[in-house]
Protein backbone atom coordinates (compact mmCIF):
# COMPACT_ATOMS: atom_id res chain seq x y z
CA MET A 1 -50.57 -4.53 -7.19
CA THR A 2 -49.52 -1.10 -8.42
CA PHE A 3 -46.72 -0.61 -10.89
CA LYS A 4 -44.38 0.42 -8.22
CA GLU A 5 -45.20 -2.64 -6.11
CA ARG A 6 -44.43 -4.65 -9.34
CA LEU A 7 -41.26 -2.96 -9.91
CA VAL A 8 -40.43 -3.41 -6.20
CA ASP A 9 -41.03 -7.69 -6.71
CA VAL A 10 -38.81 -7.35 -10.02
CA ARG A 11 -35.96 -5.46 -7.71
CA GLU A 12 -36.07 -8.16 -4.82
CA ALA A 13 -36.64 -11.36 -6.90
CA LYS A 14 -34.08 -13.88 -7.18
CA TRP A 15 -33.99 -14.21 -10.70
CA PHE A 16 -33.39 -10.66 -11.62
CA SER A 17 -30.36 -11.10 -9.25
CA ASN A 18 -29.26 -13.97 -11.30
CA LEU A 19 -30.07 -12.28 -14.80
CA THR A 20 -27.67 -9.25 -13.66
CA THR A 21 -25.06 -11.69 -12.60
CA GLY A 22 -25.57 -13.56 -15.86
CA VAL A 23 -25.20 -10.28 -18.04
CA ILE A 24 -22.27 -9.10 -15.95
CA ILE A 25 -20.36 -12.28 -16.71
CA PHE A 26 -21.46 -12.28 -20.31
CA TYR A 27 -20.20 -8.61 -20.67
CA ALA A 28 -16.82 -10.00 -18.81
CA SER A 29 -16.61 -12.50 -22.14
CA VAL A 30 -17.29 -10.17 -24.60
CA LEU A 31 -14.44 -7.65 -23.17
CA GLY A 32 -12.27 -10.61 -23.08
CA PHE A 33 -13.05 -11.21 -26.95
CA LYS A 34 -12.23 -7.81 -27.85
CA THR A 35 -8.64 -8.13 -26.73
CA ILE A 36 -8.35 -10.76 -29.57
CA GLY A 37 -7.40 -9.02 -32.38
CA GLU A 38 -8.86 -11.71 -34.92
CA VAL A 39 -12.08 -11.94 -33.43
CA GLU A 40 -12.67 -8.12 -32.84
CA SER A 41 -12.24 -7.76 -36.62
CA HIS A 42 -14.14 -10.34 -37.71
CA TYR A 43 -17.07 -9.40 -35.32
CA ALA A 44 -16.56 -5.82 -34.78
CA MET A 45 -20.30 -5.08 -35.21
CA MET A 46 -21.54 -7.80 -33.38
CA LEU A 47 -19.19 -7.10 -30.35
CA THR A 48 -20.22 -3.22 -30.57
CA ALA A 49 -23.91 -4.47 -30.74
CA LEU A 50 -23.65 -6.76 -27.57
CA ASP A 51 -21.93 -4.00 -25.72
CA TYR A 52 -25.04 -1.31 -26.55
CA MET A 53 -27.30 -4.26 -25.10
CA VAL A 54 -25.52 -4.57 -22.02
CA THR A 55 -25.27 -0.70 -21.33
CA VAL A 56 -29.16 -0.29 -22.19
CA TYR A 57 -29.74 -3.29 -19.62
CA PHE A 58 -27.71 -1.69 -16.91
CA LEU A 59 -29.17 1.30 -17.50
CA VAL A 60 -32.85 0.02 -17.48
CA GLU A 61 -31.86 -2.39 -13.93
CA ILE A 62 -30.66 1.18 -12.16
CA MET A 63 -34.05 2.93 -13.31
CA ILE A 64 -36.06 -0.05 -11.84
CA LYS A 65 -33.88 -0.02 -8.71
CA LEU A 66 -34.25 3.74 -8.15
CA TYR A 67 -38.04 4.02 -9.12
CA ALA A 68 -38.84 0.93 -7.00
CA GLN A 69 -37.53 2.93 -3.93
CA GLU A 70 -40.16 4.68 -1.63
CA LYS A 71 -38.13 7.53 -1.73
CA THR A 72 -35.55 8.23 -4.74
CA MET A 73 -32.84 9.91 -2.43
CA ASP A 74 -33.21 6.71 -0.25
CA PHE A 75 -31.37 4.86 -3.03
CA PHE A 76 -28.25 6.78 -2.69
CA LYS A 77 -28.12 6.09 1.12
CA SER A 78 -26.44 2.70 0.44
CA GLY A 79 -22.72 2.77 -0.57
CA TRP A 80 -23.38 -0.30 -2.99
CA ASN A 81 -26.05 1.61 -4.86
CA VAL A 82 -23.79 4.67 -5.17
CA PHE A 83 -21.41 2.60 -6.58
CA ASP A 84 -23.53 1.00 -9.27
CA PHE A 85 -24.76 4.57 -10.35
CA VAL A 86 -21.50 5.60 -10.56
CA ILE A 87 -20.04 3.01 -12.60
CA VAL A 88 -23.20 3.13 -14.82
CA VAL A 89 -23.30 6.65 -15.47
CA ILE A 90 -19.54 6.71 -16.31
CA THR A 91 -19.88 4.00 -18.81
CA ILE A 92 -22.77 5.55 -20.54
CA ILE A 93 -21.01 8.83 -21.23
CA PRO A 94 -20.13 8.82 -25.06
CA LEU A 95 -16.55 9.47 -25.03
CA ASP A 96 -15.48 7.10 -27.68
CA ASN A 97 -14.45 9.89 -30.68
CA THR A 98 -12.78 12.22 -27.93
CA ALA A 99 -9.42 12.49 -26.59
CA ILE A 100 -10.19 10.30 -23.61
CA ALA A 101 -11.58 7.34 -25.26
CA PRO A 102 -8.91 5.07 -24.16
CA ILE A 103 -9.96 5.97 -20.46
CA ALA A 104 -13.45 5.59 -21.71
CA ARG A 105 -12.78 1.99 -22.54
CA ILE A 106 -10.74 1.52 -19.10
CA PHE A 107 -13.97 2.62 -17.32
CA ARG A 108 -15.85 0.27 -19.21
CA ILE A 109 -13.85 -2.84 -17.33
CA PHE A 110 -15.25 -1.76 -13.91
CA ARG A 111 -18.97 -2.73 -15.30
CA VAL A 112 -17.52 -6.10 -14.17
CA LEU A 113 -17.01 -5.09 -10.88
CA ARG A 114 -20.97 -4.94 -10.79
CA LEU A 115 -20.80 -8.63 -9.84
CA LEU A 116 -19.94 -7.71 -6.33
CA THR A 117 -23.14 -5.94 -6.26
CA SER A 118 -25.37 -8.41 -8.15
CA ARG A 119 -25.01 -11.25 -5.35
CA PRO A 120 -25.49 -10.35 -1.75
CA GLU A 121 -22.98 -13.21 -0.97
CA LEU A 122 -20.18 -11.49 -2.24
CA LYS A 123 -21.47 -8.22 -0.80
CA LYS A 124 -21.52 -9.90 2.80
CA ILE A 125 -17.29 -11.00 1.83
CA ILE A 126 -16.56 -7.37 0.77
CA ASP A 127 -18.45 -6.22 4.05
CA MET A 128 -16.31 -8.77 5.88
CA LEU A 129 -12.95 -7.39 4.36
CA ILE A 130 -13.78 -3.73 4.98
CA GLY A 131 -14.73 -4.70 8.43
CA ALA A 132 -11.07 -6.54 8.56
CA ILE A 133 -9.16 -3.40 7.59
CA PRO A 134 -8.42 -1.74 10.75
CA SER A 135 -7.39 -4.94 12.26
CA ILE A 136 -5.15 -5.94 9.14
CA VAL A 137 -3.62 -2.42 9.25
CA ASP A 138 -2.23 -3.20 12.87
CA ILE A 139 -0.96 -6.57 11.75
CA VAL A 140 0.64 -5.00 8.87
CA ILE A 141 2.56 -2.33 11.10
CA LEU A 142 3.59 -5.02 13.19
CA MET A 143 4.80 -7.30 10.28
CA PHE A 144 6.71 -4.27 9.01
CA ILE A 145 8.47 -3.45 12.36
CA VAL A 146 9.52 -7.10 11.90
CA PHE A 147 10.56 -6.78 8.39
CA TYR A 148 12.41 -3.68 9.32
CA MET A 149 14.47 -5.32 12.30
CA TYR A 150 15.42 -8.60 10.36
CA ALA A 151 16.40 -6.62 7.36
CA ILE A 152 18.92 -4.60 9.18
CA VAL A 153 20.19 -7.67 10.80
CA GLY A 154 20.55 -9.36 7.50
CA ASN A 155 22.37 -6.30 6.24
CA PHE A 156 24.71 -6.68 8.73
CA LEU A 157 25.12 -10.44 8.89
CA PHE A 158 25.50 -10.93 4.68
CA GLU A 159 26.18 -7.82 3.29
CA ASP A 160 29.45 -9.75 1.54
CA ALA A 161 26.77 -12.39 0.35
CA ALA A 162 28.21 -12.90 -3.80
CA SER A 163 24.14 -12.73 -5.13
CA GLY A 164 23.98 -9.14 -3.55
CA LEU A 165 20.54 -9.89 -1.75
CA TRP A 166 21.48 -7.91 1.20
CA LYS A 167 23.74 -5.38 -0.09
CA ASP A 168 21.35 -2.66 1.28
CA PHE A 169 18.53 -2.13 3.55
CA LEU A 170 15.82 -1.84 0.65
CA ILE A 171 17.39 -5.06 -1.04
CA SER A 172 17.57 -6.98 2.16
CA MET A 173 13.37 -6.13 2.66
CA LEU A 174 12.64 -7.25 -0.72
CA THR A 175 14.64 -10.76 0.12
CA LEU A 176 13.00 -10.94 3.27
CA PHE A 177 9.61 -10.74 0.94
CA ARG A 178 11.07 -13.94 -1.24
CA ILE A 179 11.89 -15.77 1.86
CA LEU A 180 8.05 -15.21 2.93
CA THR A 181 6.52 -16.31 -0.11
CA PHE A 182 8.71 -19.61 0.35
CA GLU A 183 10.60 -18.65 -3.29
CA ASP A 184 13.79 -20.88 -3.27
CA TRP A 185 14.17 -19.57 0.34
CA THR A 186 16.47 -22.45 1.29
CA ASP A 187 18.93 -21.25 -1.19
CA VAL A 188 19.07 -17.96 0.40
CA MET A 189 19.51 -19.74 3.62
CA TYR A 190 22.69 -21.94 2.73
CA GLU A 191 24.31 -18.91 0.81
CA GLY A 192 23.66 -17.40 4.57
CA MET A 193 25.01 -20.33 6.17
CA GLU A 194 28.17 -20.25 4.19
CA ILE A 195 29.12 -16.97 5.84
CA HIS A 196 27.86 -17.63 9.22
CA PRO A 197 27.01 -21.76 9.75
CA TRP A 198 24.63 -20.58 12.63
CA SER A 199 22.33 -18.04 10.38
CA TRP A 200 19.83 -20.92 10.24
CA ILE A 201 18.38 -19.73 13.20
CA TYR A 202 18.06 -16.18 11.62
CA PHE A 203 15.85 -17.88 8.81
CA VAL A 204 13.99 -20.31 10.55
CA SER A 205 12.76 -17.75 13.20
CA PHE A 206 11.96 -15.42 10.29
CA VAL A 207 9.82 -18.18 8.57
CA VAL A 208 8.09 -18.78 11.91
CA ILE A 209 7.00 -15.56 12.97
CA ALA A 210 6.35 -13.88 9.40
CA ALA A 211 4.77 -16.77 7.52
CA PHE A 212 3.34 -19.13 9.86
CA VAL A 213 2.37 -16.53 13.13
CA PHE A 214 1.11 -13.33 10.64
CA PHE A 215 -0.51 -15.55 8.10
CA ASN A 216 -2.53 -17.16 10.89
CA LEU A 217 -3.23 -13.70 12.56
CA PHE A 218 -4.93 -12.60 8.81
CA VAL A 219 -6.77 -15.59 8.98
CA ALA A 220 -8.02 -15.07 12.57
CA VAL A 221 -9.10 -11.81 11.71
CA ILE A 222 -11.03 -12.38 8.61
CA ILE A 223 -12.89 -15.52 10.88
CA GLY A 224 -13.69 -13.12 13.17
CA GLU A 225 -15.21 -10.56 10.92
CA MET A 226 -17.28 -13.56 9.15
CA GLU A 227 -18.67 -14.15 12.69
CA LYS A 228 -19.63 -10.86 13.50
CA ILE A 229 -21.33 -10.50 10.52
CA ASN A 230 -23.28 -13.91 10.96
CA ASN A 231 -24.26 -12.90 14.26
CA LYS A 232 -25.30 -9.81 13.08
CA ASP A 233 -27.75 -11.54 10.46
CA MET A 234 -28.95 -13.63 13.34
CA VAL A 235 -29.68 -10.90 15.20
CA ASP A 236 -31.59 -9.24 12.68
CA GLU A 237 -33.43 -12.40 11.89
CA MET A 238 -34.98 -12.90 15.73
CA HIS A 239 -35.49 -9.28 15.53
CA GLU A 240 -37.82 -9.89 12.65
CA GLU A 241 -39.24 -12.93 14.32
CA HIS A 242 -39.99 -10.99 17.31
CA ASP A 243 -41.57 -8.29 15.07
CA LYS A 244 -43.82 -11.41 13.48
CA ILE A 245 -44.65 -12.54 16.49
CA ASP A 246 -45.81 -9.08 18.22
CA LEU A 247 -47.86 -8.69 15.17
CA ILE A 248 -49.56 -11.99 15.50
CA LEU A 249 -50.47 -10.93 18.88
CA GLU A 250 -51.71 -7.52 18.54
CA GLU A 251 -53.97 -8.98 15.74
CA MET A 252 -55.18 -11.86 18.23
CA ARG A 253 -55.92 -8.77 20.77
CA ALA A 254 -57.93 -7.35 18.40
CA MET A 255 -59.95 -10.44 17.36
CA ARG A 256 -60.62 -11.10 21.20
CA ALA A 257 -61.83 -7.09 21.66
CA GLU A 258 -64.06 -7.80 18.38
CA ILE A 259 -65.38 -11.42 19.71
CA LYS A 260 -66.24 -9.62 23.43
CA GLU A 261 -68.28 -6.90 21.41
CA LEU A 262 -70.00 -9.02 19.37
CA LYS A 263 -70.99 -11.12 22.72
CA LYS A 264 -71.94 -7.93 24.26
CA THR A 265 -74.37 -6.90 21.38
CA THR A 266 -75.82 -10.72 20.80
CA THR A 267 -76.58 -10.62 24.71
């Protein structure tokens, strides 16, 4: 095996992915300890050394992935690879002793986001969420229309409420969001019923529409995107299996042709 082939094996190996995941989790722990003043003052040198070690590991990892590509520029065809590369490059720029040192420290936090790219399962979840964005946007727009209508009606009905939860349109929107999260929404309803006894219809209908219907719509969209990804993976696997079968059949045809040639030469 050539050196490049060995690097390809390392890049594709499960242990390499698990090692990267472990390093990222370890680095997240280091960042957490740095927020504890007493720990940082006593172990400042050790935490700094660990920070440098993690930086070197990320740099080596990205170099392995770059060199393992058949063509270097192919590495940047993947959005996830570009994401990794940008994070690594930003975090190795020496900005600690500059005027933007606080920003540099914030950039280091983004290293933890590399956990998303080190686990294929997490990549699949993120891809699923990205694929669901168009449908989610449509649901949010529809949800805003419902909020808008109920806020106007709520302001008209309960503007004089003592709590002031409906005194204007914007406050009414916040109140409806509170009801959506079920944060003491019954208290809001009982206050409204003191003004209009039949107003429970308003609150119950909003809870049914906004909390139950829209929540299930979000779940349905996400499940639908997950099924699309799983179906795509199944189709890709089937294509790979068909390619393997075609390759085996071609090899068998070649062997038959060779056997026929051998029979002709022996007779």
